[in-house]
């Protein structure tokens, strides 16, 4: 199984996907065609065009899943990219269009999977650790389960100088663990997970990640850490 799970798609001062271009080239390998799943945003044509422009320097041809029968296009795809946006809207469309089973089948057959933000959220067993507003009600919270643990993309540390009195991201994830077994990896901006079969490594910017498990204090995860044990979570 070949996965690239990005916390975010755009880094400050960089173009769309530019910060992860080398990682994208690595996971795509010899693939020259990719099916993009644009359902996390409303304008599917514009979103697909943005991805096509970003991947053109790598020699990748991009087809939007919305331009034909989505389940068939995804099932036969040499590579799959699920973009970010609203996770609830994305999960709703994945279920209604039969894409959960199609994506799983393609990835199990060897197609590389790339996710960014919401696309990374749905690589986990459930959307329950998304940051997004539930703008639609999907038939199920279950997602792809390409990794057996939860991820929180765009993880933000508490700002000690902020006057905000609401819940921090850390508190919300601890509340998740009160109702669910976990664990959860909070991925800071600019980081990504790279899965190569049974090996999983946190890569990208040196900001690292934050690990949450029930009954344990939250722990720092430096960039470069081998997290393969989480595949047995």
Protein backbone atom coordinates (compact mmCIF):
# COMPACT_ATOMS: atom_id res chain seq x y z
CA UNK A 1 0.00 0.00 0.00
CA UNK A 2 1.36 3.39 -1.06
CA UNK A 3 -0.06 6.41 0.79
CA UNK A 4 0.84 10.10 1.02
CA UNK A 5 -1.32 11.86 3.62
CA UNK A 6 -0.74 15.63 3.69
CA UNK A 7 -1.86 17.82 6.55
CA UNK A 8 -2.37 20.73 4.14
CA UNK A 9 -2.12 21.48 0.43
CA UNK A 10 -0.70 25.02 0.51
CA UNK A 11 2.24 26.28 2.57
CA UNK A 12 2.84 29.99 3.26
CA UNK A 13 4.66 31.64 0.36
CA UNK A 14 4.39 28.52 -1.82
CA UNK A 15 2.07 27.48 -4.63
CA UNK A 16 -0.59 24.80 -4.35
CA UNK A 17 1.11 21.46 -3.45
CA UNK A 18 4.53 22.99 -4.13
CA UNK A 19 5.88 22.23 -0.65
CA UNK A 20 5.27 18.51 -1.17
CA UNK A 21 6.32 18.16 -4.82
CA UNK A 22 9.20 15.76 -4.13
CA UNK A 23 6.97 13.58 -1.94
CA UNK A 24 4.31 13.56 -4.65
CA UNK A 25 6.84 12.46 -7.26
CA UNK A 26 8.00 9.70 -4.91
CA UNK A 27 4.57 8.24 -4.20
CA UNK A 28 3.42 8.46 -7.81
CA UNK A 29 6.50 6.63 -9.04
CA UNK A 30 5.96 5.68 -12.67
CA UNK A 31 2.27 6.65 -12.76
CA UNK A 32 1.47 9.26 -15.41
CA UNK A 33 -2.31 9.37 -14.96
CA UNK A 34 -4.26 10.25 -11.83
CA UNK A 35 -7.94 10.45 -10.93
CA UNK A 36 -8.78 13.40 -8.71
CA UNK A 37 -11.77 13.25 -6.34
CA UNK A 38 -13.00 16.87 -6.04
CA UNK A 39 -16.12 16.46 -3.91
CA UNK A 40 -14.89 18.32 -0.82
CA UNK A 41 -15.45 21.60 -2.72
CA UNK A 42 -18.48 22.75 -4.73
CA UNK A 43 -16.77 23.73 -8.02
CA UNK A 44 -15.45 20.40 -9.25
CA UNK A 45 -14.14 21.69 -12.59
CA UNK A 46 -12.14 24.53 -11.07
CA UNK A 47 -10.74 22.30 -8.35
CA UNK A 48 -9.65 19.65 -10.84
CA UNK A 49 -8.01 22.31 -13.01
CA UNK A 50 -6.05 23.58 -10.00
CA UNK A 51 -4.74 20.09 -9.28
CA UNK A 52 -3.92 19.50 -12.95
CA UNK A 53 -1.87 22.70 -13.03
CA UNK A 54 0.02 21.77 -9.87
CA UNK A 55 0.89 18.27 -11.10
CA UNK A 56 1.72 19.21 -14.68
CA UNK A 57 5.42 19.84 -13.86
CA UNK A 58 5.60 16.17 -12.77
CA UNK A 59 4.17 15.03 -16.10
CA UNK A 60 0.93 13.82 -14.51
CA UNK A 61 -2.37 13.90 -16.44
CA UNK A 62 -5.35 14.53 -14.16
CA UNK A 63 -8.92 13.35 -14.71
CA UNK A 64 -11.72 14.53 -12.44
CA UNK A 65 -13.81 11.72 -10.98
CA UNK A 66 -16.89 13.82 -11.74
CA UNK A 67 -16.29 13.71 -15.52
CA UNK A 68 -17.56 10.12 -15.91
CA UNK A 69 -18.81 7.34 -13.70
CA UNK A 70 -16.87 8.13 -10.51
CA UNK A 71 -16.77 4.59 -9.12
CA UNK A 72 -15.48 3.14 -12.39
CA UNK A 73 -12.89 5.88 -12.94
CA UNK A 74 -11.55 5.48 -9.41
CA UNK A 75 -11.55 1.68 -9.47
CA UNK A 76 -9.42 1.69 -12.66
CA UNK A 77 -7.19 4.61 -11.67
CA UNK A 78 -3.38 4.26 -11.78
CA UNK A 79 -3.30 6.75 -8.86
CA UNK A 80 -5.90 8.57 -6.76
CA UNK A 81 -5.85 12.01 -5.14
CA UNK A 82 -8.62 13.07 -2.76
CA UNK A 83 -8.48 16.81 -2.16
CA UNK A 84 -9.26 18.94 0.86
CA UNK A 85 -12.26 21.07 1.67
CA UNK A 86 -15.22 20.16 3.85
CA UNK A 87 -14.90 16.62 5.20
CA UNK A 88 -18.64 16.15 5.77
CA UNK A 89 -19.44 17.07 2.18
CA UNK A 90 -16.66 14.79 0.94
CA UNK A 91 -17.77 11.80 3.02
CA UNK A 92 -21.38 12.31 1.94
CA UNK A 93 -20.36 12.07 -1.72
CA UNK A 94 -17.97 9.16 -1.17
CA UNK A 95 -20.84 7.10 0.21
CA UNK A 96 -23.54 8.24 -2.21
CA UNK A 97 -21.36 7.65 -5.28
CA UNK A 98 -20.00 4.26 -4.23
CA UNK A 99 -16.46 5.58 -3.90
CA UNK A 100 -15.61 4.11 -0.50
CA UNK A 101 -15.50 0.60 -1.91
CA UNK A 102 -13.94 1.70 -5.22
CA UNK A 103 -11.08 3.59 -3.58
CA UNK A 104 -10.36 0.74 -1.19
CA UNK A 105 -10.29 -1.73 -4.08
CA UNK A 106 -7.94 0.44 -6.15
CA UNK A 107 -5.54 1.04 -3.26
CA UNK A 108 -5.56 -2.64 -2.31
CA UNK A 109 -4.66 -3.40 -5.92
CA UNK A 110 -1.62 -1.11 -5.73
CA UNK A 111 -2.82 2.35 -6.81
CA UNK A 112 -1.05 5.11 -4.82
CA UNK A 113 -3.41 7.20 -2.67
CA UNK A 114 -2.77 10.88 -2.01
CA UNK A 115 -4.88 12.79 0.48
CA UNK A 116 -4.74 16.38 1.59
CA UNK A 117 -6.59 17.78 4.62
CA UNK A 118 -10.11 16.31 4.22
CA UNK A 119 -8.59 13.71 1.89
CA UNK A 120 -6.29 12.73 4.74
CA UNK A 121 -9.18 12.69 7.20
CA UNK A 122 -11.03 10.13 5.08
CA UNK A 123 -8.00 7.81 4.93
CA UNK A 124 -8.74 7.00 8.59
CA UNK A 125 -11.60 4.83 9.93
CA UNK A 126 -13.92 7.78 10.69
CA UNK A 127 -14.40 11.51 10.07
CA UNK A 128 -14.84 12.12 13.83
CA UNK A 129 -11.52 13.96 14.21
CA UNK A 130 -12.11 16.51 11.44
CA UNK A 131 -12.09 20.23 12.21
CA UNK A 132 -14.93 20.98 9.80
CA UNK A 133 -18.49 22.21 10.20
CA UNK A 134 -21.16 19.56 9.39
CA UNK A 135 -22.68 21.44 6.42
CA UNK A 136 -24.32 18.20 5.22
CA UNK A 137 -25.29 14.96 6.95
CA UNK A 138 -23.54 11.96 5.37
CA UNK A 139 -25.14 8.50 5.53
CA UNK A 140 -22.29 7.32 7.75
CA UNK A 141 -19.25 8.71 9.57
CA UNK A 142 -17.24 5.68 8.44
CA UNK A 143 -14.48 6.43 5.96
CA UNK A 144 -11.80 4.53 4.03
CA UNK A 145 -9.76 2.98 6.85
CA UNK A 146 -6.52 2.96 4.87
CA UNK A 147 -4.78 3.46 8.21
CA UNK A 148 -6.28 2.06 11.45
CA UNK A 149 -5.91 5.20 13.59
CA UNK A 150 -7.35 8.72 13.51
CA UNK A 151 -5.66 11.85 12.14
CA UNK A 152 -6.33 15.50 12.89
CA UNK A 153 -4.87 17.56 10.01
CA UNK A 154 -4.01 21.24 10.50
CA UNK A 155 -3.29 20.57 14.17
CA UNK A 156 -2.90 23.86 16.08
CA UNK A 157 -1.12 24.26 19.40
CA UNK A 158 -2.69 26.49 22.06
CA UNK A 159 -1.58 30.12 21.75
CA UNK A 160 -0.62 31.34 25.24
CA UNK A 161 -1.10 34.97 24.18
CA UNK A 162 -4.59 34.46 22.75
CA UNK A 163 -7.68 35.86 24.48
CA UNK A 164 -9.84 33.10 22.96
CA UNK A 165 -11.74 31.34 25.74
CA UNK A 166 -13.06 28.39 23.74
CA UNK A 167 -11.75 24.85 23.50
CA UNK A 168 -8.26 24.24 22.22
CA UNK A 169 -7.63 21.58 19.59
CA UNK A 170 -5.89 19.48 22.25
CA UNK A 171 -8.93 19.62 24.52
CA UNK A 172 -11.25 18.59 21.69
CA UNK A 173 -9.09 15.58 20.86
CA UNK A 174 -8.97 14.58 24.53
CA UNK A 175 -12.77 14.76 24.54
CA UNK A 176 -12.80 12.51 21.47
CA UNK A 177 -10.78 9.96 23.45
CA UNK A 178 -13.35 10.04 26.25
CA UNK A 179 -15.85 8.49 23.82
CA UNK A 180 -13.57 6.59 21.40
CA UNK A 181 -10.54 4.32 21.89
CA UNK A 182 -8.18 6.27 19.62
CA UNK A 183 -5.32 6.87 19.05
CA UNK A 184 -5.12 10.21 17.19
CA UNK A 185 -2.18 11.87 15.44
CA UNK A 186 -2.45 15.67 15.29
CA UNK A 187 -0.43 16.69 12.21
CA UNK A 188 0.92 20.22 12.13
CA UNK A 189 1.03 22.26 8.92
CA UNK A 190 3.63 21.21 6.37
CA UNK A 191 3.88 17.62 7.61
CA UNK A 192 2.71 14.42 5.96
CA UNK A 193 2.59 10.69 6.53
CA UNK A 194 4.26 8.43 3.97
CA UNK A 195 3.18 4.80 3.99
CA UNK A 196 5.23 2.29 2.03
CA UNK A 197 3.49 -1.06 2.57
CA UNK A 198 4.03 -1.85 6.28
CA UNK A 199 6.26 1.18 6.98
CA UNK A 200 4.83 4.53 8.06
CA UNK A 201 6.97 7.64 8.63
CA UNK A 202 6.13 11.24 9.57
CA UNK A 203 7.82 13.50 7.02
CA UNK A 204 7.81 17.13 5.88
CA UNK A 205 8.46 20.28 7.91
CA UNK A 206 10.32 19.95 11.24
CA UNK A 207 7.23 21.07 13.20
CA UNK A 208 6.29 17.43 13.83
CA UNK A 209 3.02 16.15 15.26
CA UNK A 210 1.18 15.57 18.53
CA UNK A 211 0.09 12.07 19.58
CA UNK A 212 -3.00 11.39 21.67
CA UNK A 213 -3.91 8.08 23.28
CA UNK A 214 -6.47 7.25 25.94
CA UNK A 215 -4.96 7.07 29.40
CA UNK A 216 -1.71 8.81 28.41
CA UNK A 217 -0.45 12.37 28.30
CA UNK A 218 -0.26 13.92 24.80
CA UNK A 219 3.24 13.40 23.37
CA UNK A 220 5.39 15.13 20.78
CA UNK A 221 6.29 13.23 17.59
CA UNK A 222 9.35 14.66 15.79
CA UNK A 223 9.41 14.73 12.01
CA UNK A 224 11.26 11.67 10.76
CA UNK A 225 9.72 9.34 13.37
CA UNK A 226 8.90 5.82 12.26
CA UNK A 227 5.26 5.27 13.18
CA UNK A 228 4.86 1.81 11.68
CA UNK A 229 3.57 0.48 15.00
CA UNK A 230 0.41 2.58 14.48
CA UNK A 231 -0.51 0.37 11.54
CA UNK A 232 -1.19 -2.28 14.16
CA UNK A 233 -3.30 0.07 16.31
